[in-house]
Amino acid sequence: MEAGGGSITVEPCDGNIRLDRFVSSHAGVSRNKVQQLITGGLVLVNGRPARKNHRVDPGEEITWKLPSWRPEEVIPQPIELDVVHEDSLVAVIDKPAGMVMYPGPGHQKDTLLNALLNRYPEMSCVGGMGRQGIFHRLDRDTSGLVAVALRKEAFTVMVEKIKDRQVERVYTALVSGDISADRGTIDAPMGRSKGNRKKMAVERNAGRRAVSHFEVKERFNQGFNLVEVSLETGRTHQIRVHFAHVGHPVVGDREYSGARTGKQLGLERQFLHACRLGFTHPETGEPLQFHSGLPKDLTEALRLLRSK
């Protein structure tokens, strides 16, 4: 959690909402955490402390402060990894769905970084504390290929490659709704959602440029499309936000589609898999290209669709 805070005047449409729920939705913090802030006197109503069950009224000024979260030393853990490639400078991992990239509030252990530091102790001084060696990331419930730097010199080079769009990142996604075009581009700037700071949204006036290219690989009678998506930029939740924005949300996405369509296919997470990753080696310049097949849960969802 980043240090900071916020202030907002309650609008008529938000009247009679519990204080903890109201602050949670606007600050992008869980209700449990907001309740702790309220108990600690860090949430004020018109400049005064209030109880968590206070019902906000239109016109009230709600302010909150967020203490900074500082990563502690990340403890190496002997967690098995699916290593696709490793050399003295970089490694490529096929990350399973459900694994968080690095420790943060609510998940201090069992992350990819805990496992990486156990296998590659030389990573401990690479990059920033709490995110050692990590120069790009996958969402917790997105599976597939992710690369990490094992040495400082490789980290510096790979950060620049990401910045200069010299890393190929391709995903397989199942999206809902009929898509008439065989291929296309979604060019829509993104930023933090004004209604929920934990989510991202298309922000035409204040967002950063975000571009996703897609190609339809298979269509299903039930109104689903299997697409391959290539990222020109790499914003947080980019594919999920872009396809929800154009009316074709990623199947099973709890945050941006409600996950209703995923349940009928037996999915417990979004159908999104990083299937291809390509870059030149940071030292030798050798072209590297990696592929990852769909994991069992996504393969089974496709089998169900094809059988109908």
C-alpha atoms as a PDB file:
ATOM      1  CA  MET A   1       0.000   0.000   0.000  1.00  0.00           C
ATOM      2  CA  GLU A   2       1.336   3.375  -0.914  1.00  0.00           C
ATOM      3  CA  ALA A   3       1.380   6.200   1.602  1.00  0.00           C
ATOM      4  CA  GLY A   4      -1.169   8.886   0.965  1.00  0.00           C
ATOM      5  CA  GLY A   5      -4.825   9.540   1.494  1.00  0.00           C
ATOM      6  CA  GLY A   6      -7.806  11.250   0.039  1.00  0.00           C
ATOM      7  CA  SER A   7     -10.763  13.499   0.544  1.00  0.00           C
ATOM      8  CA  ILE A   8     -14.189  13.414  -1.050  1.00  0.00           C
ATOM      9  CA  THR A   9     -17.554  15.074  -0.567  1.00  0.00           C
ATOM     10  CA  VAL A  10     -20.472  12.660  -0.374  1.00  0.00           C
ATOM     11  CA  GLU A  11     -22.776  12.944  -3.368  1.00  0.00           C
ATOM     12  CA  PRO A  12     -26.566  12.489  -3.041  1.00  0.00           C
ATOM     13  CA  CYS A  13     -26.386   9.110  -4.786  1.00  0.00           C
ATOM     14  CA  ASP A  14     -23.992   7.816  -2.088  1.00  0.00           C
ATOM     15  CA  GLY A  15     -26.083   8.830   0.907  1.00  0.00           C
ATOM     16  CA  ASN A  16     -26.847   6.280   3.636  1.00  0.00           C
ATOM     17  CA  ILE A  17     -23.852   4.058   2.785  1.00  0.00           C
ATOM     18  CA  ARG A  18     -21.773   2.747   5.686  1.00  0.00           C
ATOM     19  CA  LEU A  19     -18.572   4.705   6.227  1.00  0.00           C
ATOM     20  CA  ASP A  20     -16.279   1.658   5.901  1.00  0.00           C
ATOM     21  CA  ARG A  21     -17.932   0.617   2.645  1.00  0.00           C
ATOM     22  CA  PHE A  22     -17.824   4.162   1.258  1.00  0.00           C
ATOM     23  CA  VAL A  23     -14.116   4.660   1.982  1.00  0.00           C
ATOM     24  CA  SER A  24     -13.251   1.178   0.725  1.00  0.00           C
ATOM     25  CA  SER A  25     -14.809   1.854  -2.678  1.00  0.00           C
ATOM     26  CA  HIS A  26     -13.117   5.233  -3.092  1.00  0.00           C
ATOM     27  CA  ALA A  27      -9.708   4.490  -1.573  1.00  0.00           C
ATOM     28  CA  GLY A  28      -9.193   1.096  -3.211  1.00  0.00           C
ATOM     29  CA  VAL A  29      -8.620  -0.584   0.166  1.00  0.00           C
ATOM     30  CA  SER A  30     -10.382  -3.620   1.639  1.00  0.00           C
ATOM     31  CA  ARG A  31     -13.164  -3.014   4.159  1.00  0.00           C
ATOM     32  CA  ASN A  32     -11.177  -4.831   6.849  1.00  0.00           C
ATOM     33  CA  LYS A  33      -8.272  -2.465   6.308  1.00  0.00           C
ATOM     34  CA  VAL A  34     -10.582   0.566   6.301  1.00  0.00           C
ATOM     35  CA  GLN A  35     -12.054  -0.562   9.612  1.00  0.00           C
ATOM     36  CA  GLN A  36      -8.533  -0.646  11.048  1.00  0.00           C
ATOM     37  CA  LEU A  37      -7.947   2.877   9.744  1.00  0.00           C
ATOM     38  CA  ILE A  38     -11.202   4.057  11.322  1.00  0.00           C
ATOM     39  CA  THR A  39     -10.235   2.495  14.661  1.00  0.00           C
ATOM     40  CA  GLY A  40      -6.873   4.247  14.435  1.00  0.00           C
ATOM     41  CA  GLY A  41      -8.488   7.621  13.842  1.00  0.00           C
ATOM     42  CA  LEU A  42      -7.250   7.880  10.259  1.00  0.00           C
ATOM     43  CA  VAL A  43     -10.734   8.334   8.761  1.00  0.00           C
ATOM     44  CA  LEU A  44     -12.595  11.566   9.531  1.00  0.00           C
ATOM     45  CA  VAL A  45     -16.107  12.819   8.825  1.00  0.00           C
ATOM     46  CA  ASN A  46     -16.202  16.614   8.642  1.00  0.00           C
ATOM     47  CA  GLY A  47     -12.870  16.630  10.473  1.00  0.00           C
ATOM     48  CA  ARG A  48     -13.942  14.355  13.310  1.00  0.00           C
ATOM     49  CA  PRO A  49     -13.532  10.614  13.988  1.00  0.00           C
ATOM     50  CA  ALA A  50     -16.588   8.436  13.351  1.00  0.00           C
ATOM     51  CA  ARG A  51     -17.629   4.841  13.779  1.00  0.00           C
ATOM     52  CA  LYS A  52     -17.311   2.318  10.964  1.00  0.00           C
ATOM     53  CA  ASN A  53     -21.092   1.858  10.813  1.00  0.00           C
ATOM     54  CA  HIS A  54     -21.733   5.595  10.445  1.00  0.00           C
ATOM     55  CA  ARG A  55     -24.050   6.196   7.494  1.00  0.00           C
ATOM     56  CA  VAL A  56     -22.637   8.952   5.333  1.00  0.00           C
ATOM     57  CA  ASP A  57     -24.869  11.902   4.401  1.00  0.00           C
ATOM     58  CA  PRO A  58     -24.725  14.010   1.226  1.00  0.00           C
ATOM     59  CA  GLY A  59     -22.443  16.994   1.731  1.00  0.00           C
ATOM     60  CA  GLU A  60     -20.248  15.378   4.386  1.00  0.00           C
ATOM     61  CA  GLU A  61     -16.505  15.675   3.811  1.00  0.00           C
ATOM     62  CA  ILE A  62     -14.794  12.288   4.218  1.00  0.00           C
ATOM     63  CA  THR A  63     -11.004  12.225   4.558  1.00  0.00           C
ATOM     64  CA  TRP A  64      -8.621   9.321   5.090  1.00  0.00           C
ATOM     65  CA  LYS A  65      -4.912   8.679   5.495  1.00  0.00           C
ATOM     66  CA  LEU A  66      -3.109   5.576   4.266  1.00  0.00           C
ATOM     67  CA  PRO A  67       0.092   4.589   6.068  1.00  0.00           C
ATOM     68  CA  SER A  68       2.856   3.304   3.843  1.00  0.00           C
ATOM     69  CA  TRP A  69       3.441  -0.421   3.499  1.00  0.00           C
ATOM     70  CA  ARG A  70       7.110  -1.248   3.369  1.00  0.00           C
ATOM     71  CA  PRO A  71       8.195  -4.673   2.151  1.00  0.00           C
ATOM     72  CA  GLU A  72      10.130  -6.597   4.740  1.00  0.00           C
ATOM     73  CA  GLU A  73      12.831  -9.051   3.814  1.00  0.00           C
ATOM     74  CA  VAL A  74      11.366 -11.655   1.479  1.00  0.00           C
ATOM     75  CA  ILE A  75      11.918 -15.131   2.887  1.00  0.00           C
ATOM     76  CA  PRO A  76      13.000 -17.783   0.349  1.00  0.00           C
ATOM     77  CA  GLN A  77      10.618 -20.738   0.217  1.00  0.00           C
ATOM     78  CA  PRO A  78      11.184 -24.142  -1.422  1.00  0.00           C
ATOM     79  CA  ILE A  79       8.206 -23.899  -3.776  1.00  0.00           C
ATOM     80  CA  GLU A  80       8.344 -25.945  -6.983  1.00  0.00           C
ATOM     81  CA  LEU A  81       8.580 -23.890 -10.169  1.00  0.00           C
ATOM     82  CA  ASP A  82       8.020 -24.782 -13.812  1.00  0.00           C
ATOM     83  CA  VAL A  83      11.264 -23.378 -15.239  1.00  0.00           C
ATOM     84  CA  VAL A  84      11.153 -22.991 -19.016  1.00  0.00           C
ATOM     85  CA  HIS A  85      14.598 -21.417 -19.379  1.00  0.00           C
ATOM     86  CA  GLU A  86      17.469 -20.379 -17.146  1.00  0.00           C
ATOM     87  CA  ASP A  87      21.009 -19.138 -17.627  1.00  0.00           C
ATOM     88  CA  SER A  88      23.336 -16.935 -15.600  1.00  0.00           C
ATOM     89  CA  LEU A  89      21.348 -13.746 -16.320  1.00  0.00           C
ATOM     90  CA  VAL A  90      17.673 -14.514 -16.909  1.00  0.00           C
ATOM     91  CA  ALA A  91      15.053 -17.143 -16.182  1.00  0.00           C
ATOM     92  CA  VAL A  92      11.633 -17.768 -17.685  1.00  0.00           C
ATOM     93  CA  ILE A  93       8.942 -19.317 -15.512  1.00  0.00           C
ATOM     94  CA  ASP A  94       5.562 -20.787 -16.464  1.00  0.00           C
ATOM     95  CA  LYS A  95       3.530 -19.317 -13.587  1.00  0.00           C
ATOM     96  CA  PRO A  96       0.411 -21.155 -12.407  1.00  0.00           C
ATOM     97  CA  ALA A  97      -2.869 -19.334 -11.868  1.00  0.00           C
ATOM     98  CA  GLY A  98      -3.418 -18.338  -8.251  1.00  0.00           C
ATOM     99  CA  MET A  99       0.204 -17.445  -7.532  1.00  0.00           C
ATOM    100  CA  VAL A 100       0.931 -13.818  -6.639  1.00  0.00           C
ATOM    101  CA  MET A 101       4.078 -12.330  -8.175  1.00  0.00           C
ATOM    102  CA  TYR A 102       5.585 -10.811  -4.999  1.00  0.00           C
ATOM    103  CA  PRO A 103       4.639 -10.124  -1.355  1.00  0.00           C
ATOM    104  CA  GLY A 104       2.214  -7.346  -0.525  1.00  0.00           C
ATOM    105  CA  PRO A 105      -0.575  -6.556   1.921  1.00  0.00           C
ATOM    106  CA  GLY A 106      -2.542  -9.752   2.510  1.00  0.00           C
ATOM    107  CA  HIS A 107      -0.018 -12.137   0.937  1.00  0.00           C
ATOM    108  CA  GLN A 108       3.357 -12.155   2.645  1.00  0.00           C
ATOM    109  CA  LYS A 109       4.469 -15.619   1.514  1.00  0.00           C
ATOM    110  CA  ASP A 110       3.943 -18.347  -1.101  1.00  0.00           C
ATOM    111  CA  THR A 111       4.549 -15.858  -3.908  1.00  0.00           C
ATOM    112  CA  LEU A 112       6.591 -16.344  -7.043  1.00  0.00           C
ATOM    113  CA  LEU A 113       9.341 -14.169  -5.573  1.00  0.00           C
ATOM    114  CA  ASN A 114       9.581 -16.339  -2.451  1.00  0.00           C
ATOM    115  CA  ALA A 115      10.135 -19.333  -4.710  1.00  0.00           C
ATOM    116  CA  LEU A 116      12.584 -17.503  -6.994  1.00  0.00           C
ATOM    117  CA  LEU A 117      14.824 -16.357  -4.138  1.00  0.00           C
ATOM    118  CA  ASN A 118      15.039 -19.937  -2.923  1.00  0.00           C
ATOM    119  CA  ARG A 119      16.147 -21.199  -6.346  1.00  0.00           C
ATOM    120  CA  TYR A 120      18.209 -18.144  -7.315  1.00  0.00           C
ATOM    121  CA  PRO A 121      19.680 -16.552  -4.155  1.00  0.00           C
ATOM    122  CA  GLU A 122      21.804 -14.290  -6.382  1.00  0.00           C
ATOM    123  CA  MET A 123      18.581 -12.339  -7.116  1.00  0.00           C
ATOM    124  CA  SER A 124      18.432 -10.907  -3.601  1.00  0.00           C
ATOM    125  CA  CYS A 125      20.176  -7.641  -4.563  1.00  0.00           C
ATOM    126  CA  VAL A 126      18.680  -7.228  -8.057  1.00  0.00           C
ATOM    127  CA  GLY A 127      16.204  -4.346  -8.415  1.00  0.00           C
ATOM    128  CA  GLY A 128      14.025  -2.948  -5.652  1.00  0.00           C
ATOM    129  CA  MET A 129      13.420  -4.635  -2.312  1.00  0.00           C
ATOM    130  CA  GLY A 130      10.298  -6.780  -2.385  1.00  0.00           C
ATOM    131  CA  ARG A 131      10.292  -7.058  -6.177  1.00  0.00           C
ATOM    132  CA  GLN A 132      13.801  -8.325  -6.831  1.00  0.00           C
ATOM    133  CA  GLY A 133      14.477  -9.255 -10.430  1.00  0.00           C
ATOM    134  CA  ILE A 134      10.923  -8.635 -11.607  1.00  0.00           C
ATOM    135  CA  PHE A 135      10.630  -6.318 -14.619  1.00  0.00           C
ATOM    136  CA  HIS A 136       7.164  -7.331 -15.839  1.00  0.00           C
ATOM    137  CA  ARG A 137       4.311  -9.134 -14.156  1.00  0.00           C
ATOM    138  CA  LEU A 138       1.219 -11.284 -14.511  1.00  0.00           C
ATOM    139  CA  ASP A 139      -1.978 -10.951 -12.499  1.00  0.00           C
ATOM    140  CA  ARG A 140      -2.508 -13.530  -9.764  1.00  0.00           C
ATOM    141  CA  ASP A 141      -5.157 -15.459 -11.724  1.00  0.00           C
ATOM    142  CA  THR A 142      -3.383 -15.207 -15.073  1.00  0.00           C
ATOM    143  CA  SER A 143      -1.186 -18.180 -15.912  1.00  0.00           C
ATOM    144  CA  GLY A 144       1.753 -18.421 -18.269  1.00  0.00           C
ATOM    145  CA  LEU A 145       5.190 -17.122 -19.109  1.00  0.00           C
ATOM    146  CA  VAL A 146       7.036 -14.484 -17.114  1.00  0.00           C
ATOM    147  CA  ALA A 147      10.740 -13.613 -17.267  1.00  0.00           C
ATOM    148  CA  VAL A 148      12.944 -12.438 -14.393  1.00  0.00           C
ATOM    149  CA  ALA A 149      16.465 -11.021 -14.197  1.00  0.00           C
ATOM    150  CA  LEU A 150      19.030 -12.833 -12.048  1.00  0.00           C
ATOM    151  CA  ARG A 151      21.756 -10.169 -12.179  1.00  0.00           C
ATOM    152  CA  LYS A 152      21.784  -6.381 -11.888  1.00  0.00           C
ATOM    153  CA  GLU A 153      23.171  -5.862 -15.390  1.00  0.00           C
ATOM    154  CA  ALA A 154      20.424  -8.023 -16.896  1.00  0.00           C
ATOM    155  CA  PHE A 155      17.732  -6.218 -14.888  1.00  0.00           C
ATOM    156  CA  THR A 156      18.827  -2.815 -16.208  1.00  0.00           C
ATOM    157  CA  VAL A 157      18.789  -4.032 -19.804  1.00  0.00           C
ATOM    158  CA  MET A 158      15.433  -5.804 -19.530  1.00  0.00           C
ATOM    159  CA  VAL A 159      13.732  -2.791 -17.919  1.00  0.00           C
ATOM    160  CA  GLU A 160      14.784  -0.751 -20.959  1.00  0.00           C
ATOM    161  CA  LYS A 161      13.559  -3.453 -23.337  1.00  0.00           C
ATOM    162  CA  ILE A 162      10.143  -3.363 -21.693  1.00  0.00           C
ATOM    163  CA  LYS A 163      10.112   0.428 -21.855  1.00  0.00           C
ATOM    164  CA  ASP A 164      11.118   0.406 -25.537  1.00  0.00           C
ATOM    165  CA  ARG A 165       8.537  -2.317 -26.378  1.00  0.00           C
ATOM    166  CA  GLN A 166      11.200  -4.818 -27.356  1.00  0.00           C
ATOM    167  CA  VAL A 167       9.620  -7.697 -25.438  1.00  0.00           C
ATOM    168  CA  GLU A 168       6.957  -9.698 -27.270  1.00  0.00           C
ATOM    169  CA  ARG A 169       4.062 -10.649 -24.986  1.00  0.00           C
ATOM    170  CA  VAL A 170       1.194 -12.664 -26.441  1.00  0.00           C
ATOM    171  CA  TYR A 171      -1.814 -14.025 -24.559  1.00  0.00           C
ATOM    172  CA  THR A 172      -4.623 -16.475 -25.237  1.00  0.00           C
ATOM    173  CA  ALA A 173      -8.002 -15.336 -23.935  1.00  0.00           C
ATOM    174  CA  LEU A 174     -11.586 -16.522 -24.135  1.00  0.00           C
ATOM    175  CA  VAL A 175     -13.955 -13.565 -24.420  1.00  0.00           C
ATOM    176  CA  SER A 176     -17.739 -13.372 -24.513  1.00  0.00           C
ATOM    177  CA  GLY A 177     -19.996 -11.886 -27.186  1.00  0.00           C
ATOM    178  CA  ASP A 178     -19.832 -12.180 -30.961  1.00  0.00           C
ATOM    179  CA  ILE A 179     -16.831 -10.530 -32.616  1.00  0.00           C
ATOM    180  CA  SER A 180     -17.438 -10.002 -36.325  1.00  0.00           C
ATOM    181  CA  ALA A 181     -13.911  -8.940 -37.298  1.00  0.00           C
ATOM    182  CA  ASP A 182     -11.175 -11.550 -37.642  1.00  0.00           C
ATOM    183  CA  ARG A 183      -8.624  -9.180 -36.144  1.00  0.00           C
ATOM    184  CA  GLY A 184      -8.449  -5.686 -34.739  1.00  0.00           C
ATOM    185  CA  THR A 185      -6.834  -3.192 -32.379  1.00  0.00           C
ATOM    186  CA  ILE A 186      -8.133  -1.697 -29.152  1.00  0.00           C
ATOM    187  CA  ASP A 187      -6.494   1.693 -28.631  1.00  0.00           C
ATOM    188  CA  ALA A 188      -7.917   3.146 -25.415  1.00  0.00           C
ATOM    189  CA  PRO A 189      -5.934   4.998 -22.704  1.00  0.00           C
ATOM    190  CA  MET A 190      -6.155   3.607 -19.183  1.00  0.00           C
ATOM    191  CA  GLY A 191      -5.852   4.806 -15.613  1.00  0.00           C
ATOM    192  CA  ARG A 192      -7.142   4.079 -12.133  1.00  0.00           C
ATOM    193  CA  SER A 193     -10.911   3.827 -11.898  1.00  0.00           C
ATOM    194  CA  LYS A 194     -12.396   6.909 -10.229  1.00  0.00           C
ATOM    195  CA  GLY A 195     -15.069   4.786  -8.566  1.00  0.00           C
ATOM    196  CA  ASN A 196     -12.763   2.053  -7.270  1.00  0.00           C
ATOM    197  CA  ARG A 197      -9.048   2.740  -6.965  1.00  0.00           C
ATOM    198  CA  LYS A 198      -8.251  -0.987  -6.870  1.00  0.00           C
ATOM    199  CA  LYS A 199      -9.495  -1.339 -10.432  1.00  0.00           C
ATOM    200  CA  MET A 200      -8.352   0.074 -13.756  1.00  0.00           C
ATOM    201  CA  ALA A 201     -10.557   1.711 -16.373  1.00  0.00           C
ATOM    202  CA  VAL A 202     -10.472   3.363 -19.762  1.00  0.00           C
ATOM    203  CA  GLU A 203      -9.817   7.043 -19.064  1.00  0.00           C
ATOM    204  CA  ARG A 204     -10.013   9.092 -22.248  1.00  0.00           C
ATOM    205  CA  ASN A 205      -8.748  12.346 -20.746  1.00  0.00           C
ATOM    206  CA  ALA A 206      -6.356  11.279 -17.983  1.00  0.00           C
ATOM    207  CA  GLY A 207      -5.221   7.778 -18.903  1.00  0.00           C
ATOM    208  CA  ARG A 208      -1.909   6.509 -20.269  1.00  0.00           C
ATOM    209  CA  ARG A 209      -1.757   5.135 -23.807  1.00  0.00           C
ATOM    210  CA  ALA A 210      -2.760   1.475 -23.977  1.00  0.00           C
ATOM    211  CA  VAL A 211      -2.902  -0.604 -27.172  1.00  0.00           C
ATOM    212  CA  SER A 212      -3.921  -4.245 -27.610  1.00  0.00           C
ATOM    213  CA  HIS A 213      -3.920  -6.104 -30.942  1.00  0.00           C
ATOM    214  CA  PHE A 214      -6.060  -9.221 -31.286  1.00  0.00           C
ATOM    215  CA  GLU A 215      -6.842 -12.019 -33.712  1.00  0.00           C
ATOM    216  CA  VAL A 216      -9.823 -14.375 -33.426  1.00  0.00           C
ATOM    217  CA  LYS A 217      -8.596 -17.972 -33.431  1.00  0.00           C
ATOM    218  CA  GLU A 218     -11.868 -19.815 -32.903  1.00  0.00           C
ATOM    219  CA  ARG A 219     -15.554 -18.953 -32.631  1.00  0.00           C
ATOM    220  CA  PHE A 220     -18.156 -20.901 -30.685  1.00  0.00           C
ATOM    221  CA  ASN A 221     -21.930 -21.064 -31.164  1.00  0.00           C
ATOM    222  CA  GLN A 222     -22.540 -20.022 -27.572  1.00  0.00           C
ATOM    223  CA  GLY A 223     -21.185 -16.524 -28.220  1.00  0.00           C
ATOM    224  CA  PHE A 224     -17.601 -17.094 -27.118  1.00  0.00           C
ATOM    225  CA  ASN A 225     -14.428 -16.273 -29.017  1.00  0.00           C
ATOM    226  CA  LEU A 226     -10.938 -17.622 -28.488  1.00  0.00           C
ATOM    227  CA  VAL A 227      -8.549 -14.756 -29.237  1.00  0.00           C
ATOM    228  CA  GLU A 228      -4.818 -14.222 -29.310  1.00  0.00           C
ATOM    229  CA  VAL A 229      -3.817 -10.828 -27.936  1.00  0.00           C
ATOM    230  CA  SER A 230      -0.515  -9.063 -28.505  1.00  0.00           C
ATOM    231  CA  LEU A 231       0.382  -6.187 -26.204  1.00  0.00           C
ATOM    232  CA  GLU A 232       1.903  -3.050 -27.670  1.00  0.00           C
ATOM    233  CA  THR A 233       1.836  -1.493 -24.199  1.00  0.00           C
ATOM    234  CA  GLY A 234       1.647  -3.223 -20.828  1.00  0.00           C
ATOM    235  CA  ARG A 235      -0.740  -1.462 -18.467  1.00  0.00           C
ATOM    236  CA  THR A 236      -2.120  -3.122 -15.359  1.00  0.00           C
ATOM    237  CA  HIS A 237      -5.092  -5.375 -16.270  1.00  0.00           C
ATOM    238  CA  GLN A 238      -4.841  -4.090 -19.854  1.00  0.00           C
ATOM    239  CA  ILE A 239      -6.397  -7.042 -21.694  1.00  0.00           C
ATOM    240  CA  ARG A 240      -9.156  -7.472 -19.135  1.00  0.00           C
ATOM    241  CA  VAL A 241     -10.065  -3.770 -19.143  1.00  0.00           C
ATOM    242  CA  HIS A 242      -9.845  -3.351 -22.919  1.00  0.00           C
ATOM    243  CA  PHE A 243     -12.096  -6.278 -23.775  1.00  0.00           C
ATOM    244  CA  ALA A 244     -14.619  -5.364 -21.086  1.00  0.00           C
ATOM    245  CA  HIS A 245     -14.633  -1.824 -22.481  1.00  0.00           C
ATOM    246  CA  VAL A 246     -15.570  -2.989 -25.993  1.00  0.00           C
ATOM    247  CA  GLY A 247     -18.288  -5.315 -24.696  1.00  0.00           C
ATOM    248  CA  HIS A 248     -16.361  -8.600 -24.853  1.00  0.00           C
ATOM    249  CA  PRO A 249     -15.135  -9.251 -21.297  1.00  0.00           C
ATOM    250  CA  VAL A 250     -12.685 -12.035 -20.557  1.00  0.00           C
ATOM    251  CA  VAL A 251     -14.630 -15.106 -19.467  1.00  0.00           C
ATOM    252  CA  GLY A 252     -14.402 -15.780 -15.733  1.00  0.00           C
ATOM    253  CA  ASP A 253     -13.041 -12.347 -14.827  1.00  0.00           C
ATOM    254  CA  ARG A 254     -14.414 -11.554 -11.361  1.00  0.00           C
ATOM    255  CA  GLU A 255     -13.435  -7.879 -11.389  1.00  0.00           C
ATOM    256  CA  TYR A 256     -14.501  -6.784 -14.854  1.00  0.00           C
ATOM    257  CA  SER A 257     -17.231  -9.224 -15.933  1.00  0.00           C
ATOM    258  CA  GLY A 258     -18.702 -10.670 -12.746  1.00  0.00           C
ATOM    259  CA  ALA A 259     -17.345 -14.159 -13.607  1.00  0.00           C
ATOM    260  CA  ARG A 260     -20.843 -15.405 -14.447  1.00  0.00           C
ATOM    261  CA  THR A 261     -19.872 -16.822 -17.831  1.00  0.00           C
ATOM    262  CA  GLY A 262     -16.929 -18.683 -16.368  1.00  0.00           C
ATOM    263  CA  LYS A 263     -18.968 -20.753 -13.930  1.00  0.00           C
ATOM    264  CA  GLN A 264     -20.881 -22.532 -16.680  1.00  0.00           C
ATOM    265  CA  LEU A 265     -17.524 -23.701 -18.043  1.00  0.00           C
ATOM    266  CA  GLY A 266     -16.202 -24.799 -14.653  1.00  0.00           C
ATOM    267  CA  LEU A 267     -13.722 -21.937 -14.405  1.00  0.00           C
ATOM    268  CA  GLU A 268     -12.574 -20.579 -11.046  1.00  0.00           C
ATOM    269  CA  ARG A 269     -10.565 -17.729 -12.627  1.00  0.00           C
ATOM    270  CA  GLN A 270     -10.318 -15.655 -15.783  1.00  0.00           C
ATOM    271  CA  PHE A 271      -9.497 -17.427 -19.052  1.00  0.00           C
ATOM    272  CA  LEU A 272      -6.232 -15.600 -19.690  1.00  0.00           C
ATOM    273  CA  HIS A 273      -2.885 -17.252 -20.367  1.00  0.00           C
ATOM    274  CA  ALA A 274       0.479 -15.755 -21.340  1.00  0.00           C
ATOM    275  CA  CYS A 275       1.235 -18.174 -24.171  1.00  0.00           C
ATOM    276  CA  ARG A 276       4.229 -16.583 -25.894  1.00  0.00           C
ATOM    277  CA  LEU A 277       7.177 -14.503 -24.718  1.00  0.00           C
ATOM    278  CA  GLY A 278      10.041 -13.256 -26.849  1.00  0.00           C
ATOM    279  CA  PHE A 279      13.077 -11.018 -26.364  1.00  0.00           C
ATOM    280  CA  THR A 280      16.760 -10.850 -27.186  1.00  0.00           C
ATOM    281  CA  HIS A 281      19.192 -12.048 -24.545  1.00  0.00           C
ATOM    282  CA  PRO A 282      20.456  -9.081 -22.467  1.00  0.00           C
ATOM    283  CA  GLU A 283      24.103 -10.073 -22.931  1.00  0.00           C
ATOM    284  CA  THR A 284      24.470 -12.060 -26.156  1.00  0.00           C
ATOM    285  CA  GLY A 285      21.644 -10.493 -28.177  1.00  0.00           C
ATOM    286  CA  GLU A 286      20.452 -13.981 -29.127  1.00  0.00           C
ATOM    287  CA  PRO A 287      16.721 -14.043 -30.052  1.00  0.00           C
ATOM    288  CA  LEU A 288      14.784 -16.049 -27.464  1.00  0.00           C
ATOM    289  CA  GLN A 289      11.231 -17.284 -28.037  1.00  0.00           C
ATOM    290  CA  PHE A 290       9.172 -19.275 -25.545  1.00  0.00           C
ATOM    291  CA  HIS A 291       5.770 -20.944 -25.785  1.00  0.00           C
ATOM    292  CA  SER A 292       3.375 -22.294 -23.166  1.00  0.00           C
ATOM    293  CA  GLY A 293       0.375 -24.531 -23.793  1.00  0.00           C
ATOM    294  CA  LEU A 294      -2.946 -23.949 -22.066  1.00  0.00           C
ATOM    295  CA  PRO A 295      -3.209 -25.420 -18.550  1.00  0.00           C
ATOM    296  CA  LYS A 296      -5.744 -28.115 -17.756  1.00  0.00           C
ATOM    297  CA  ASP A 297      -8.581 -25.885 -16.498  1.00  0.00           C
ATOM    298  CA  LEU A 298      -8.578 -23.763 -19.651  1.00  0.00           C
ATOM    299  CA  THR A 299      -8.255 -26.803 -21.935  1.00  0.00           C
ATOM    300  CA  GLU A 300     -11.248 -28.373 -20.215  1.00  0.00           C
ATOM    301  CA  ALA A 301     -13.331 -25.211 -20.700  1.00  0.00           C
ATOM    302  CA  LEU A 302     -12.607 -25.333 -24.435  1.00  0.00           C
ATOM    303  CA  ARG A 303     -13.485 -29.019 -24.543  1.00  0.00           C
ATOM    304  CA  LEU A 304     -16.885 -28.238 -23.044  1.00  0.00           C
ATOM    305  CA  LEU A 305     -17.499 -25.490 -25.593  1.00  0.00           C
ATOM    306  CA  ARG A 306     -16.514 -27.698 -28.521  1.00  0.00           C
ATOM    307  CA  SER A 307     -18.775 -30.485 -27.330  1.00  0.00           C
ATOM    308  CA  LYS A 308     -21.903 -28.317 -27.370  1.00  0.00           C
END
